[in-house]
């Protein structure tokens, strides 16, 4: 099994990120991040920041469940359970963040249109 530091580096590379990219994602310098990947002994809060910066979750997996979790991660055969709903919600929230008036103006125009028909 790969060490945590190896997993962090592998995940960063899988996302197509360079070490310097992590500065913007988690707020540490390239040198600090490079030290973590190379031989660091990061604090828990640093690991939490790194996991978020790598679009990952930091978890404690019970030993008796480890083989099941590894199988799922390696095979990717199982559809995401709640992650899909979270992704859909995140996309919707992001759309609203970019266009806070979305649907409001359309609803107002429809309401005005209905009022004109009644007159």
N, C-alpha and C. Protein backbone atom coordinates (compact mmCIF):
# COMPACT_ATOMS: atom_id res chain seq x y z
N UNK A 1 0.85 -1.19 0.00
CA UNK A 1 0.00 0.00 0.00
C UNK A 1 0.89 1.24 0.00
N UNK A 2 0.46 2.23 -0.77
CA UNK A 2 1.23 3.46 -0.89
C UNK A 2 1.11 4.30 0.38
N UNK A 3 2.17 5.04 0.65
CA UNK A 3 2.14 5.94 1.80
C UNK A 3 1.19 7.09 1.49
N UNK A 4 0.77 7.80 2.51
CA UNK A 4 -0.12 8.93 2.34
C UNK A 4 0.52 9.99 1.45
N UNK A 5 1.80 10.24 1.65
CA UNK A 5 2.48 11.25 0.84
C UNK A 5 2.54 10.84 -0.63
N UNK A 6 2.71 9.56 -0.90
CA UNK A 6 2.69 9.07 -2.28
C UNK A 6 1.29 9.24 -2.88
N UNK A 7 0.27 8.98 -2.08
CA UNK A 7 -1.10 9.13 -2.55
C UNK A 7 -1.41 10.60 -2.88
N UNK A 8 -0.90 11.51 -2.06
CA UNK A 8 -1.12 12.93 -2.28
C UNK A 8 -0.49 13.34 -3.61
N UNK A 9 0.75 12.93 -3.83
CA UNK A 9 1.43 13.28 -5.08
C UNK A 9 0.71 12.67 -6.28
N UNK A 10 0.30 11.42 -6.16
CA UNK A 10 -0.40 10.73 -7.25
C UNK A 10 -1.71 11.45 -7.59
N UNK A 11 -2.44 11.87 -6.57
CA UNK A 11 -3.70 12.57 -6.79
C UNK A 11 -3.46 13.91 -7.48
N UNK A 12 -2.44 14.64 -7.03
CA UNK A 12 -2.12 15.94 -7.64
C UNK A 12 -1.81 15.77 -9.12
N UNK A 13 -0.99 14.77 -9.43
CA UNK A 13 -0.62 14.51 -10.82
C UNK A 13 -1.84 14.07 -11.64
N UNK A 14 -2.72 13.29 -11.04
CA UNK A 14 -3.92 12.84 -11.74
C UNK A 14 -4.82 14.01 -12.10
N UNK A 15 -4.80 15.05 -11.28
CA UNK A 15 -5.59 16.25 -11.55
C UNK A 15 -4.87 17.21 -12.50
N UNK A 16 -3.64 16.85 -12.87
CA UNK A 16 -2.87 17.70 -13.79
C UNK A 16 -2.35 18.96 -13.13
N UNK A 17 -2.11 18.90 -11.83
CA UNK A 17 -1.64 20.07 -11.09
C UNK A 17 -0.15 19.99 -10.85
N UNK A 18 0.48 21.15 -10.80
CA UNK A 18 1.89 21.25 -10.44
C UNK A 18 1.97 21.65 -8.97
N UNK A 19 3.13 21.47 -8.38
CA UNK A 19 3.28 21.83 -6.97
C UNK A 19 2.98 23.30 -6.74
N UNK A 20 3.37 24.16 -7.67
CA UNK A 20 3.11 25.59 -7.50
C UNK A 20 1.62 25.92 -7.55
N UNK A 21 0.82 25.07 -8.22
CA UNK A 21 -0.63 25.28 -8.27
C UNK A 21 -1.26 25.15 -6.88
N UNK A 22 -0.63 24.39 -6.02
CA UNK A 22 -1.20 24.16 -4.70
C UNK A 22 -1.18 25.44 -3.84
N UNK A 23 -0.30 26.37 -4.18
CA UNK A 23 -0.24 27.63 -3.43
C UNK A 23 -1.59 28.34 -3.50
N UNK A 24 -2.16 28.41 -4.69
CA UNK A 24 -3.46 29.07 -4.85
C UNK A 24 -4.59 28.24 -4.27
N UNK A 25 -4.46 26.94 -4.31
CA UNK A 25 -5.54 26.07 -3.85
C UNK A 25 -5.60 25.95 -2.34
N UNK A 26 -4.44 25.94 -1.67
CA UNK A 26 -4.47 25.71 -0.22
C UNK A 26 -3.73 26.77 0.59
N UNK A 27 -3.06 27.71 -0.09
CA UNK A 27 -2.43 28.81 0.62
C UNK A 27 -1.08 28.51 1.24
N UNK A 28 -0.34 27.57 0.69
CA UNK A 28 1.03 27.33 1.16
C UNK A 28 1.98 27.53 -0.02
N UNK A 29 3.21 27.89 0.27
CA UNK A 29 4.16 28.12 -0.81
C UNK A 29 4.53 26.81 -1.49
N UNK A 30 5.08 26.93 -2.68
CA UNK A 30 5.51 25.74 -3.42
C UNK A 30 6.55 24.98 -2.62
N UNK A 31 7.46 25.69 -1.96
CA UNK A 31 8.49 25.03 -1.17
C UNK A 31 7.89 24.25 0.00
N UNK A 32 6.92 24.83 0.67
CA UNK A 32 6.27 24.14 1.79
C UNK A 32 5.55 22.89 1.29
N UNK A 33 4.85 23.03 0.17
CA UNK A 33 4.13 21.89 -0.36
C UNK A 33 5.10 20.82 -0.84
N UNK A 34 6.16 21.24 -1.48
CA UNK A 34 7.18 20.30 -1.97
C UNK A 34 7.76 19.50 -0.80
N UNK A 35 7.98 20.17 0.31
CA UNK A 35 8.51 19.50 1.50
C UNK A 35 7.52 18.44 2.01
N UNK A 36 6.24 18.75 2.00
CA UNK A 36 5.22 17.78 2.44
C UNK A 36 5.28 16.54 1.57
N UNK A 37 5.29 16.72 0.25
CA UNK A 37 5.32 15.57 -0.65
C UNK A 37 6.60 14.77 -0.53
N UNK A 38 7.71 15.45 -0.33
CA UNK A 38 9.02 14.78 -0.32
C UNK A 38 9.25 13.96 0.95
N UNK A 39 9.09 14.59 2.08
CA UNK A 39 9.41 13.88 3.32
C UNK A 39 8.75 14.52 4.53
N UNK A 40 7.72 15.25 4.28
CA UNK A 40 7.10 16.01 5.36
C UNK A 40 6.36 15.17 6.36
N UNK A 41 6.10 15.81 7.46
CA UNK A 41 5.28 15.23 8.51
C UNK A 41 4.22 16.28 8.82
N UNK A 42 3.25 16.44 7.88
CA UNK A 42 2.31 17.55 8.00
C UNK A 42 1.36 17.39 9.17
N UNK A 43 0.92 18.52 9.66
CA UNK A 43 -0.10 18.54 10.72
C UNK A 43 -1.44 18.14 10.12
N UNK A 44 -2.35 17.76 10.96
CA UNK A 44 -3.67 17.34 10.52
C UNK A 44 -4.38 18.45 9.74
N UNK A 45 -4.31 19.67 10.23
CA UNK A 45 -5.00 20.75 9.52
C UNK A 45 -4.38 21.00 8.14
N UNK A 46 -3.08 20.76 8.00
CA UNK A 46 -2.44 20.87 6.68
C UNK A 46 -2.93 19.77 5.77
N UNK A 47 -3.06 18.55 6.29
CA UNK A 47 -3.58 17.44 5.49
C UNK A 47 -5.02 17.71 5.05
N UNK A 48 -5.80 18.31 5.93
CA UNK A 48 -7.19 18.64 5.56
C UNK A 48 -7.22 19.67 4.44
N UNK A 49 -6.35 20.68 4.51
CA UNK A 49 -6.27 21.68 3.44
C UNK A 49 -5.85 21.04 2.12
N UNK A 50 -4.84 20.17 2.20
CA UNK A 50 -4.35 19.50 0.99
C UNK A 50 -5.46 18.64 0.39
N UNK A 51 -6.18 17.91 1.21
CA UNK A 51 -7.24 17.05 0.68
C UNK A 51 -8.31 17.87 -0.02
N UNK A 52 -8.69 19.00 0.54
CA UNK A 52 -9.68 19.86 -0.11
C UNK A 52 -9.12 20.43 -1.40
N UNK A 53 -7.85 20.82 -1.40
CA UNK A 53 -7.20 21.35 -2.59
C UNK A 53 -7.10 20.32 -3.70
N UNK A 54 -7.13 19.06 -3.35
CA UNK A 54 -7.04 17.98 -4.33
C UNK A 54 -8.41 17.35 -4.59
N UNK A 55 -9.47 18.06 -4.21
CA UNK A 55 -10.84 17.56 -4.39
C UNK A 55 -10.99 16.15 -3.84
N UNK A 56 -10.51 15.96 -2.63
CA UNK A 56 -10.52 14.65 -1.99
C UNK A 56 -11.02 14.79 -0.55
N UNK A 57 -11.21 13.66 0.08
CA UNK A 57 -11.62 13.63 1.48
C UNK A 57 -10.58 12.87 2.28
N UNK A 58 -10.30 13.35 3.45
CA UNK A 58 -9.40 12.70 4.38
C UNK A 58 -10.27 11.87 5.32
N UNK A 59 -10.04 10.55 5.36
CA UNK A 59 -10.88 9.68 6.18
C UNK A 59 -10.06 8.66 6.95
N UNK A 60 -10.65 8.20 8.01
CA UNK A 60 -10.10 7.10 8.78
C UNK A 60 -10.92 5.87 8.40
N UNK A 61 -10.26 4.88 7.81
CA UNK A 61 -10.95 3.68 7.33
C UNK A 61 -10.64 2.53 8.28
N UNK A 62 -11.66 1.90 8.85
CA UNK A 62 -11.40 0.76 9.73
C UNK A 62 -10.67 -0.35 8.96
N UNK A 63 -9.74 -0.99 9.61
CA UNK A 63 -8.93 -2.03 8.97
C UNK A 63 -9.78 -3.12 8.33
N UNK A 64 -10.87 -3.49 8.99
CA UNK A 64 -11.70 -4.57 8.45
C UNK A 64 -12.46 -4.14 7.18
N UNK A 65 -12.54 -2.85 6.89
CA UNK A 65 -13.22 -2.34 5.69
C UNK A 65 -12.23 -1.93 4.59
N UNK A 66 -10.95 -1.94 4.89
CA UNK A 66 -9.95 -1.43 3.96
C UNK A 66 -9.97 -2.14 2.61
N UNK A 67 -10.03 -3.46 2.60
CA UNK A 67 -10.00 -4.18 1.33
C UNK A 67 -11.22 -3.83 0.47
N UNK A 68 -12.37 -3.65 1.09
CA UNK A 68 -13.58 -3.28 0.35
C UNK A 68 -13.42 -1.89 -0.26
N UNK A 69 -12.92 -0.97 0.51
CA UNK A 69 -12.73 0.40 0.02
C UNK A 69 -11.71 0.41 -1.12
N UNK A 70 -10.61 -0.33 -0.97
CA UNK A 70 -9.60 -0.39 -2.02
C UNK A 70 -10.16 -1.00 -3.29
N UNK A 71 -10.98 -2.03 -3.16
CA UNK A 71 -11.60 -2.65 -4.33
C UNK A 71 -12.48 -1.65 -5.08
N UNK A 72 -13.27 -0.91 -4.33
CA UNK A 72 -14.15 0.09 -4.95
C UNK A 72 -13.32 1.14 -5.67
N UNK A 73 -12.27 1.62 -5.02
CA UNK A 73 -11.44 2.66 -5.63
C UNK A 73 -10.71 2.16 -6.87
N UNK A 74 -10.26 0.94 -6.84
CA UNK A 74 -9.53 0.39 -7.98
C UNK A 74 -10.44 0.06 -9.15
N UNK A 75 -11.62 -0.47 -8.88
CA UNK A 75 -12.51 -0.93 -9.94
C UNK A 75 -13.41 0.16 -10.48
N UNK A 76 -13.77 1.10 -9.65
CA UNK A 76 -14.69 2.17 -10.07
C UNK A 76 -15.94 1.63 -10.73
N UNK A 77 -16.41 0.46 -10.30
CA UNK A 77 -17.59 -0.16 -10.88
C UNK A 77 -18.88 0.34 -10.24
N UNK A 78 -18.78 0.86 -9.05
CA UNK A 78 -19.97 1.27 -8.32
C UNK A 78 -20.29 2.72 -8.64
N UNK A 79 -21.54 3.02 -8.95
CA UNK A 79 -21.90 4.41 -9.21
C UNK A 79 -21.83 5.21 -7.92
N UNK A 80 -21.54 6.49 -8.01
CA UNK A 80 -21.50 7.30 -6.80
C UNK A 80 -22.87 7.37 -6.16
N UNK A 81 -22.92 7.24 -4.85
CA UNK A 81 -24.21 7.22 -4.18
C UNK A 81 -24.72 8.64 -3.96
N UNK A 82 -24.17 9.35 -2.99
CA UNK A 82 -24.65 10.69 -2.71
C UNK A 82 -23.80 11.74 -3.41
N UNK A 83 -22.64 11.38 -3.89
CA UNK A 83 -21.77 12.33 -4.55
C UNK A 83 -22.41 12.94 -5.77
N UNK A 84 -23.20 12.17 -6.50
CA UNK A 84 -23.83 12.67 -7.70
C UNK A 84 -24.81 13.79 -7.35
N UNK A 85 -25.57 13.61 -6.28
CA UNK A 85 -26.49 14.66 -5.86
C UNK A 85 -25.74 15.90 -5.41
N UNK A 86 -24.62 15.71 -4.73
CA UNK A 86 -23.82 16.85 -4.29
C UNK A 86 -23.26 17.59 -5.49
N UNK A 87 -22.79 16.86 -6.50
CA UNK A 87 -22.25 17.49 -7.69
C UNK A 87 -23.32 18.31 -8.39
N UNK A 88 -24.54 17.74 -8.52
CA UNK A 88 -25.64 18.46 -9.16
C UNK A 88 -25.97 19.72 -8.38
N UNK A 89 -26.00 19.62 -7.07
CA UNK A 89 -26.30 20.77 -6.23
C UNK A 89 -25.20 21.82 -6.36
N UNK A 90 -23.94 21.38 -6.41
CA UNK A 90 -22.82 22.32 -6.54
C UNK A 90 -22.89 23.05 -7.88
N UNK A 91 -23.25 22.33 -8.94
CA UNK A 91 -23.36 22.95 -10.25
C UNK A 91 -24.47 24.00 -10.24
N UNK A 92 -25.60 23.64 -9.64
CA UNK A 92 -26.73 24.58 -9.57
C UNK A 92 -26.34 25.81 -8.76
N UNK A 93 -25.66 25.62 -7.61
CA UNK A 93 -25.24 26.75 -6.79
C UNK A 93 -24.24 27.61 -7.53
N UNK A 94 -23.32 26.97 -8.26
CA UNK A 94 -22.34 27.72 -9.02
C UNK A 94 -23.02 28.55 -10.11
N UNK A 95 -24.02 27.99 -10.76
CA UNK A 95 -24.76 28.71 -11.78
C UNK A 95 -25.44 29.93 -11.16
N UNK A 96 -26.05 29.75 -10.01
CA UNK A 96 -26.69 30.86 -9.33
C UNK A 96 -25.69 31.91 -8.88
N UNK A 97 -24.49 31.46 -8.48
CA UNK A 97 -23.45 32.40 -8.06
C UNK A 97 -23.00 33.24 -9.24
N UNK A 98 -22.94 32.65 -10.43
CA UNK A 98 -22.53 33.38 -11.62
C UNK A 98 -23.66 34.23 -12.18
N UNK A 99 -24.90 33.84 -11.99
CA UNK A 99 -26.05 34.55 -12.51
C UNK A 99 -27.16 34.55 -11.46
N UNK A 100 -27.06 35.44 -10.46
CA UNK A 100 -28.03 35.43 -9.37
C UNK A 100 -29.45 35.77 -9.81
N UNK A 101 -29.61 36.36 -10.99
CA UNK A 101 -30.93 36.74 -11.48
C UNK A 101 -31.57 35.64 -12.31
N UNK A 102 -30.85 34.53 -12.49
CA UNK A 102 -31.36 33.44 -13.31
C UNK A 102 -32.73 33.00 -12.80
N UNK A 103 -33.64 32.80 -13.68
CA UNK A 103 -35.00 32.35 -13.41
C UNK A 103 -35.88 33.43 -12.78
N UNK A 104 -35.32 34.41 -12.11
CA UNK A 104 -36.15 35.44 -11.49
C UNK A 104 -36.77 36.34 -12.55
N UNK A 105 -35.95 36.78 -13.51
CA UNK A 105 -36.47 37.65 -14.55
C UNK A 105 -37.45 36.90 -15.44
N UNK A 106 -37.15 35.63 -15.71
CA UNK A 106 -38.06 34.83 -16.53
C UNK A 106 -39.41 34.67 -15.84
N UNK A 107 -39.40 34.43 -14.56
CA UNK A 107 -40.64 34.26 -13.80
C UNK A 107 -41.43 35.57 -13.79
N UNK A 108 -40.72 36.70 -13.67
CA UNK A 108 -41.37 38.00 -13.66
C UNK A 108 -42.00 38.29 -15.02
N UNK A 109 -41.28 37.95 -16.09
CA UNK A 109 -41.80 38.17 -17.45
C UNK A 109 -43.04 37.31 -17.69
N UNK A 110 -43.01 36.09 -17.22
CA UNK A 110 -44.17 35.20 -17.37
C UNK A 110 -45.36 35.75 -16.61
N UNK A 111 -45.12 36.26 -15.40
CA UNK A 111 -46.20 36.81 -14.59
C UNK A 111 -46.81 38.02 -15.27
N UNK A 112 -45.98 38.88 -15.86
CA UNK A 112 -46.48 40.04 -16.58
C UNK A 112 -47.28 39.62 -17.79
N UNK A 113 -46.80 38.59 -18.49
CA UNK A 113 -47.49 38.08 -19.66
C UNK A 113 -48.87 37.55 -19.32
N UNK A 114 -48.97 36.89 -18.19
CA UNK A 114 -50.26 36.35 -17.75
C UNK A 114 -51.22 37.48 -17.39
N UNK A 115 -50.68 38.53 -16.79
CA UNK A 115 -51.51 39.69 -16.42
C UNK A 115 -52.05 40.40 -17.64
N UNK A 116 -51.28 40.47 -18.71
CA UNK A 116 -51.72 41.15 -19.93
C UNK A 116 -52.83 40.37 -20.60
N UNK A 117 -52.80 39.08 -20.53
CA UNK A 117 -53.82 38.25 -21.18
C UNK A 117 -55.18 38.42 -20.51
N UNK A 118 -55.17 38.71 -19.23
CA UNK A 118 -56.42 38.82 -18.49
C UNK A 118 -57.14 40.11 -18.80
N UNK A 119 -56.39 41.15 -19.18
CA UNK A 119 -57.00 42.46 -19.41
C UNK A 119 -57.82 42.52 -20.62
